[in-house]
Structure formats: C-alpha cells, structure tokens
Amino acid sequence: MDRLISSPPNPFLTLRSRYLVLGTFLVASLLMGIVYSLLAEWRVLPSAGSDPILTPISTISILTIMVVVILWVGQLQGLKINRLFGRRAPRFSIFYAVLLVASLLLFSLGIPAIIFYFLSLFSPGYVAQLLEISVTLSGTDSMYPQLYERLMLFLLLIYAPVVEELIFRGILLQRWSTKWGLRWGLIASSVLFGLLHPDNPPGLMLFGLVMGLLYVRTGSLWVPIACHSLNNLAAVGIDRLHQMTSGGQVPTVGDIQQLWWISLILVGVSLPLLVRFIWQSWPPASAPIPYLAGSERASQRVNRC
C-alpha cells in the first residue's frame, strides 16, 4: 500500500539563529545588568559582584529570558514544541547511555591535564596561572550559603541541561544542519558548545558532538537532556569529593607533571567507546534533521505497507 504523507514544514528555514540566540543573550544580559544595578542601588540585592549568589540568579534569569523569546519566535515561525523535543520514552539502552556519560566524564577529566602537561614544558608560569583560576565561586563566600547551594544544584542538574540542549541541539544544530547539512551542523554546534566552556573546550566539544548524535539517533531531545544532567551530577560529586580529600587545594604544575600519565590512562580508556559510538551514529550526508526525521520514518513505513 502506498499512501502520500506530507512532511511538516521546516521552521528552521526561516529561523535566524545568529540573531535569535546571540541577540537574545546580549539583550537579556544587558537587561539583567540594569535590573541588578537598580536593585543594588535600592539595597534590595548585594552590590553587583559582591556576593556569589548573584551568579546562579543571573544565569537562571538570562537563560529564562532566552528560552521564552526563542520558543515564542519559533512558534511564530511554525515550530512545534512537542516535535522539537520528540518522544519522552525513546528506545535507547539506559546502560549504554550511562557508559557514554562515564566515558565522556573520564575524557573530560583527563584531556585538560594532558594539555596542561605539554604546556607546562614550555610555559610553566602560564599553566600555574590557569590552575589558580577558580571556575566556580564557593557558597561559603555568600551571605546566603544554603540558598546558593540549592540554586547552583538546580542550575547544574536541571535547568542548564534543559536549556543548553534546547539551544545547542534543539535550535542551533537544526538551523545549521538545514543550511549546511546534518554533518556540518553537528560539527559547528559542537565546536561552539566547547568554545563557550573555556575551562575545557576539547572535552566539551566531544560532549556536544555525542549529545547531538544522541538526538539524531533517538529523535528525542530528552535523551541528551538526561545524559547532560547525569554528567553534571557526576561532575558535582567528583568536585565535592575533591574538596573533601584535598581541602580545596589547587593542583600545582608539579602535580600535573608527575601525574599526567593517569590522565593519559583516563583518555585511553574512554576514547574507544566514544569513537565507536560516533562512527556507528554518524549520519549520512542526506539525513534529515531530527525535527523532520520522525515524519520521514513514518512515510517510509506507510510506503512499505
């Protein structure tokens, strides 16, 4: 039996992600800066930059503005939210997903130390400065330490995974794939994702690529969201364990040079599974974006009837 099934329109033909995502981020950041300045002047909030609690509050506020505007503009262009997120219970092995997240985490832990090791051979002073940079502020420095901890956990474990996957895989990946093809869309969105995480660009580029392939492979944005959240949960646990065992001491250049081989083992153990997954999941050049893939699969099943 051969029936005609019309494909849904592709809203990513008209969505301008460059202006939508970047423009919304800049406007939201400017707006929050003005709001904070007024609240600080009225003594409703601490002065800007004086309390670490402003970090999660400002991040959540900016992300919220971005999501509202992006989804509103997307719907005006015909974007269907349920089709964007896909199935909530896709067919994908939970055990395999956990293995992928564990491998990504091991790679992300190992690759910075290897890079620092080779840099330290030429410029140990520069590496020492990089190691001194604190990526996250401590809640003990806040006037509201418990609220800070709760906001940070909410941001890292729930909100950031949902919003980042929506923006990078749901919007940017599909817009750029519509323009340049799915393969280049995967690469471009992953590179940008890594560059926007300056603490570990190589690890986050690979992470972004795997998350994008999970979206393409399953047709569900919930899968990379869940994996992203699991990865952040494990990272928070490792960070807390490090704080407990080291007393918050920053590793030195000597530590990196003495123990870099452990990082080499972490990368060597994790990379084979990740390379195998990427090889098996790499899409054909003509593959549709996830937003349209479901309707194409349905059309193929009907045509075979």
Protein backbone atom coordinates (compact mmCIF):
# COMPACT_ATOMS: atom_id res chain seq x y z
CA MET A 1 0.00 0.00 0.00
CA ASP A 2 1.35 3.41 -0.96
CA ARG A 3 -0.15 6.47 0.63
CA LEU A 4 1.06 10.04 0.42
CA ILE A 5 2.16 11.58 3.72
CA SER A 6 3.05 15.23 3.60
CA SER A 7 6.16 16.26 5.51
CA PRO A 8 5.71 19.04 8.08
CA PRO A 9 7.13 22.43 7.12
CA ASN A 10 10.67 23.11 8.29
CA PRO A 11 10.64 26.20 10.56
CA PHE A 12 14.45 26.23 10.58
CA LEU A 13 14.41 27.51 7.02
CA THR A 14 13.33 30.91 8.33
CA LEU A 15 14.64 30.94 11.91
CA ARG A 16 17.70 33.18 12.14
CA SER A 17 19.62 31.58 14.97
CA ARG A 18 22.52 34.02 14.74
CA TYR A 19 20.28 36.93 15.70
CA LEU A 20 17.79 34.93 17.76
CA VAL A 21 20.26 33.24 20.13
CA LEU A 22 23.10 35.78 20.22
CA GLY A 23 20.79 38.80 20.12
CA THR A 24 18.57 37.42 22.87
CA PHE A 25 21.60 36.63 25.05
CA LEU A 26 23.01 40.14 24.67
CA VAL A 27 19.67 41.83 25.33
CA ALA A 28 18.96 39.58 28.33
CA SER A 29 22.42 40.22 29.79
CA LEU A 30 22.01 43.99 29.35
CA LEU A 31 18.53 43.88 30.88
CA MET A 32 19.70 41.89 33.90
CA GLY A 33 22.64 44.26 34.36
CA ILE A 34 20.25 47.22 34.50
CA VAL A 35 17.90 45.40 36.90
CA TYR A 36 20.76 44.42 39.22
CA SER A 37 22.15 47.93 39.24
CA LEU A 38 18.76 49.31 40.27
CA LEU A 39 18.20 46.63 42.93
CA ALA A 40 21.70 47.18 44.32
CA GLU A 41 21.09 50.94 44.44
CA TRP A 42 17.81 50.36 46.26
CA ARG A 43 19.64 47.89 48.58
CA VAL A 44 17.35 45.03 47.66
CA LEU A 45 20.28 42.89 46.49
CA PRO A 46 24.01 43.00 47.31
CA SER A 47 26.13 45.15 45.04
CA ALA A 48 26.92 43.54 41.69
CA GLY A 49 29.79 41.09 42.04
CA SER A 50 29.96 41.26 45.84
CA ASP A 51 28.08 38.02 46.53
CA PRO A 52 28.43 34.70 44.67
CA ILE A 53 24.66 34.15 44.84
CA LEU A 54 24.29 36.64 42.00
CA THR A 55 25.96 34.11 39.68
CA PRO A 56 23.19 31.46 39.71
CA ILE A 57 20.46 34.11 39.91
CA SER A 58 21.75 36.00 36.87
CA THR A 59 22.41 32.81 34.90
CA ILE A 60 18.93 31.41 35.55
CA SER A 61 17.36 34.79 34.71
CA ILE A 62 19.26 35.17 31.43
CA LEU A 63 18.53 31.58 30.37
CA THR A 64 14.85 32.04 31.19
CA ILE A 65 14.59 35.16 29.04
CA MET A 66 16.39 33.37 26.20
CA VAL A 67 14.11 30.33 26.32
CA VAL A 68 10.91 32.40 26.42
CA VAL A 69 11.97 34.56 23.46
CA ILE A 70 13.37 31.66 21.40
CA LEU A 71 10.29 29.49 21.83
CA TRP A 72 7.95 32.44 21.20
CA VAL A 73 9.71 33.42 17.99
CA GLY A 74 9.97 29.76 17.00
CA GLN A 75 6.25 29.24 17.38
CA LEU A 76 5.60 32.31 15.26
CA GLN A 77 7.67 30.57 12.55
CA GLY A 78 5.64 27.37 12.91
CA LEU A 79 7.90 25.49 15.35
CA LYS A 80 6.06 22.66 17.17
CA ILE A 81 7.49 22.21 20.67
CA ASN A 82 6.37 18.59 21.01
CA ARG A 83 8.04 17.68 17.70
CA LEU A 84 11.19 19.54 18.76
CA PHE A 85 11.54 17.56 22.00
CA GLY A 86 10.36 14.29 20.45
CA ARG A 87 9.38 11.13 22.26
CA ARG A 88 9.69 11.05 26.04
CA ALA A 89 10.44 7.32 26.14
CA PRO A 90 12.63 6.56 23.09
CA ARG A 91 14.18 3.17 22.50
CA PHE A 92 17.70 3.56 23.81
CA SER A 93 19.63 1.46 26.30
CA ILE A 94 19.94 3.18 29.68
CA PHE A 95 23.03 1.11 30.42
CA TYR A 96 24.66 2.26 27.17
CA ALA A 97 23.75 5.87 27.94
CA VAL A 98 25.41 5.59 31.37
CA LEU A 99 28.52 4.10 29.73
CA LEU A 100 28.66 7.00 27.28
CA VAL A 101 28.31 9.57 30.07
CA ALA A 102 31.00 7.82 32.13
CA SER A 103 33.34 7.78 29.12
CA LEU A 104 32.70 11.46 28.41
CA LEU A 105 33.38 12.30 32.04
CA LEU A 106 36.66 10.36 32.07
CA PHE A 107 37.74 12.05 28.84
CA SER A 108 36.83 15.49 30.21
CA LEU A 109 38.81 14.79 33.38
CA GLY A 110 41.86 13.55 31.52
CA ILE A 111 42.28 15.80 28.50
CA PRO A 112 42.85 19.14 30.36
CA ALA A 113 45.67 17.62 32.44
CA ILE A 114 47.36 16.27 29.29
CA ILE A 115 47.13 19.69 27.63
CA PHE A 116 48.43 21.39 30.79
CA TYR A 117 51.33 18.92 30.92
CA PHE A 118 52.57 19.77 27.43
CA LEU A 119 52.02 23.49 28.02
CA SER A 120 53.99 23.28 31.26
CA LEU A 121 57.03 22.01 29.37
CA PHE A 122 57.24 25.38 27.59
CA SER A 123 55.48 27.83 29.92
CA PRO A 124 55.04 26.55 33.49
CA GLY A 125 54.20 30.03 34.78
CA TYR A 126 51.24 30.34 32.43
CA VAL A 127 49.94 26.91 33.47
CA ALA A 128 50.27 27.89 37.13
CA GLN A 129 48.09 30.94 36.45
CA LEU A 130 45.48 28.79 34.70
CA LEU A 131 45.38 26.35 37.61
CA GLU A 132 44.78 29.22 40.04
CA ILE A 133 41.65 30.35 38.21
CA SER A 134 38.55 29.24 40.10
CA VAL A 135 35.81 28.07 37.76
CA THR A 136 33.04 28.25 40.37
CA LEU A 137 32.59 30.51 43.35
CA SER A 138 32.27 28.97 46.79
CA GLY A 139 28.97 29.15 48.62
CA THR A 140 30.82 29.87 51.86
CA ASP A 141 31.57 33.36 50.49
CA SER A 142 27.88 34.15 50.16
CA MET A 143 25.57 35.81 52.66
CA TYR A 144 23.07 33.06 51.82
CA PRO A 145 25.16 29.84 51.56
CA GLN A 146 22.26 27.38 51.68
CA LEU A 147 20.26 29.25 49.05
CA TYR A 148 23.40 29.49 46.90
CA GLU A 149 23.95 25.73 47.08
CA ARG A 150 20.34 24.96 46.19
CA LEU A 151 20.30 27.39 43.29
CA MET A 152 23.57 26.01 41.93
CA LEU A 153 22.33 22.43 42.15
CA PHE A 154 19.07 23.38 40.42
CA LEU A 155 21.03 25.20 37.71
CA LEU A 156 23.59 22.45 37.11
CA LEU A 157 21.38 19.39 37.43
CA ILE A 158 18.08 20.54 35.93
CA TYR A 159 17.91 23.96 34.32
CA ALA A 160 21.21 24.15 32.44
CA PRO A 161 20.84 20.67 30.86
CA VAL A 162 17.34 21.50 29.59
CA VAL A 163 18.16 24.99 28.31
CA GLU A 164 21.58 24.19 26.83
CA GLU A 165 20.27 21.13 24.99
CA LEU A 166 17.30 23.13 23.74
CA ILE A 167 19.53 25.92 22.41
CA PHE A 168 22.51 23.95 21.08
CA ARG A 169 20.89 20.71 19.91
CA GLY A 170 17.27 21.78 19.51
CA ILE A 171 17.85 25.12 17.74
CA LEU A 172 21.44 25.68 16.57
CA LEU A 173 22.09 22.12 15.41
CA GLN A 174 18.91 22.00 13.36
CA ARG A 175 19.21 25.51 11.94
CA TRP A 176 22.81 24.98 10.83
CA SER A 177 22.01 21.48 9.57
CA THR A 178 19.22 22.98 7.45
CA LYS A 179 21.76 25.42 5.96
CA TRP A 180 24.84 23.22 5.60
CA GLY A 181 23.73 19.61 6.07
CA LEU A 182 23.41 17.49 9.21
CA ARG A 183 27.09 16.57 9.44
CA TRP A 184 28.30 20.17 9.39
CA GLY A 185 25.50 21.18 11.72
CA LEU A 186 26.72 18.60 14.24
CA ILE A 187 30.31 19.80 13.99
CA ALA A 188 29.53 23.54 14.12
CA SER A 189 27.17 23.33 17.10
CA SER A 190 29.63 21.09 19.00
CA VAL A 191 32.57 23.42 18.36
CA LEU A 192 30.58 26.43 19.57
CA PHE A 193 29.44 24.50 22.64
CA GLY A 194 33.06 23.71 23.52
CA LEU A 195 34.32 27.23 22.90
CA LEU A 196 31.68 28.64 25.24
CA HIS A 197 33.05 26.42 28.03
CA PRO A 198 36.60 27.83 28.29
CA ASP A 199 37.54 25.62 31.25
CA ASN A 200 37.69 22.55 28.96
CA PRO A 201 36.95 23.22 25.25
CA PRO A 202 38.15 19.82 23.86
CA GLY A 203 36.17 17.82 26.39
CA LEU A 204 33.02 19.88 25.89
CA MET A 205 33.31 19.79 22.09
CA LEU A 206 33.31 16.00 22.22
CA PHE A 207 30.49 16.09 24.76
CA GLY A 208 28.44 18.34 22.46
CA LEU A 209 29.06 16.05 19.48
CA VAL A 210 27.90 12.96 21.40
CA MET A 211 24.81 14.79 22.67
CA GLY A 212 24.00 15.88 19.12
CA LEU A 213 24.37 12.33 17.82
CA LEU A 214 22.14 11.04 20.62
CA TYR A 215 19.47 13.50 19.48
CA VAL A 216 19.86 12.45 15.85
CA ARG A 217 19.91 8.75 16.70
CA THR A 218 16.91 8.70 19.05
CA GLY A 219 14.85 11.60 17.69
CA SER A 220 14.29 12.70 21.28
CA LEU A 221 15.81 15.75 22.96
CA TRP A 222 15.03 14.16 26.33
CA VAL A 223 17.89 11.68 25.87
CA PRO A 224 20.71 14.27 25.68
CA ILE A 225 18.97 16.28 28.43
CA ALA A 226 19.03 13.25 30.74
CA CYS A 227 22.65 12.43 29.83
CA HIS A 228 23.67 16.07 30.31
CA SER A 229 22.06 16.11 33.75
CA LEU A 230 23.72 12.80 34.70
CA ASN A 231 27.09 14.12 33.56
CA ASN A 232 26.68 17.27 35.68
CA LEU A 233 25.60 15.21 38.68
CA ALA A 234 28.73 13.06 38.43
CA ALA A 235 30.91 16.16 37.94
CA VAL A 236 29.42 17.79 41.06
CA GLY A 237 30.03 14.60 43.03
CA ILE A 238 33.66 14.40 41.89
CA ASP A 239 34.19 18.08 42.70
CA ARG A 240 32.74 17.62 46.20
CA LEU A 241 34.93 14.55 46.75
CA HIS A 242 37.99 16.51 45.63
CA GLN A 243 37.12 19.35 48.01
CA MET A 244 36.82 16.89 50.90
CA THR A 245 40.05 14.99 50.20
CA SER A 246 42.28 17.91 49.20
CA GLY A 247 40.87 20.61 51.46
CA GLY A 248 40.21 22.78 48.43
CA GLN A 249 43.91 22.88 47.48
CA VAL A 250 44.59 23.81 43.86
CA PRO A 251 46.83 21.31 41.97
CA THR A 252 50.30 22.60 41.16
CA VAL A 253 52.38 22.38 37.99
CA GLY A 254 54.46 19.72 39.75
CA ASP A 255 51.34 17.64 40.38
CA ILE A 256 50.40 17.85 36.70
CA GLN A 257 53.88 16.82 35.55
CA GLN A 258 54.08 13.91 37.97
CA LEU A 259 50.58 12.50 37.49
CA TRP A 260 49.80 13.32 33.87
CA TRP A 261 50.11 9.65 32.92
CA ILE A 262 46.96 8.93 34.94
CA SER A 263 45.09 11.38 32.71
CA LEU A 264 46.54 9.58 29.69
CA ILE A 265 45.04 6.34 31.00
CA LEU A 266 41.64 8.01 31.53
CA VAL A 267 41.62 9.25 27.93
CA GLY A 268 42.85 5.89 26.62
CA VAL A 269 40.13 4.00 28.49
CA SER A 270 37.28 6.33 27.48
CA LEU A 271 38.13 7.15 23.86
CA PRO A 272 37.48 3.73 22.20
CA LEU A 273 33.82 3.60 23.24
CA LEU A 274 33.27 7.24 22.25
CA VAL A 275 34.92 6.79 18.84
CA ARG A 276 32.89 3.63 18.24
CA PHE A 277 29.65 5.43 19.11
CA ILE A 278 30.47 8.37 16.83
CA TRP A 279 31.43 6.01 13.98
CA GLN A 280 28.23 3.98 14.29
CA SER A 281 25.98 7.02 14.76
CA TRP A 282 27.50 9.32 12.12
CA PRO A 283 24.59 10.22 9.81
CA PRO A 284 24.53 10.02 6.01
CA ALA A 285 25.13 13.28 4.19
CA SER A 286 21.49 13.43 3.12
CA ALA A 287 19.99 12.58 6.54
CA PRO A 288 17.12 14.83 7.70
CA ILE A 289 17.26 16.91 10.87
CA PRO A 290 15.65 15.29 13.95
CA TYR A 291 12.67 17.65 13.71
CA LEU A 292 11.74 16.14 10.32
CA ALA A 293 13.15 12.62 10.73
CA GLY A 294 10.07 11.25 12.50
CA SER A 295 7.74 12.12 9.65
CA GLU A 296 10.15 10.63 7.09
CA ARG A 297 10.35 7.36 9.01
CA ALA A 298 6.56 7.24 9.21
CA SER A 299 6.34 7.89 5.48
CA GLN A 300 8.73 5.04 4.74
CA ARG A 301 6.72 2.64 6.89
CA VAL A 302 3.48 3.57 5.13
CA ASN A 303 5.05 3.18 1.70
CA ARG A 304 6.17 -0.33 2.55
CA CYS A 305 2.62 -1.38 3.55
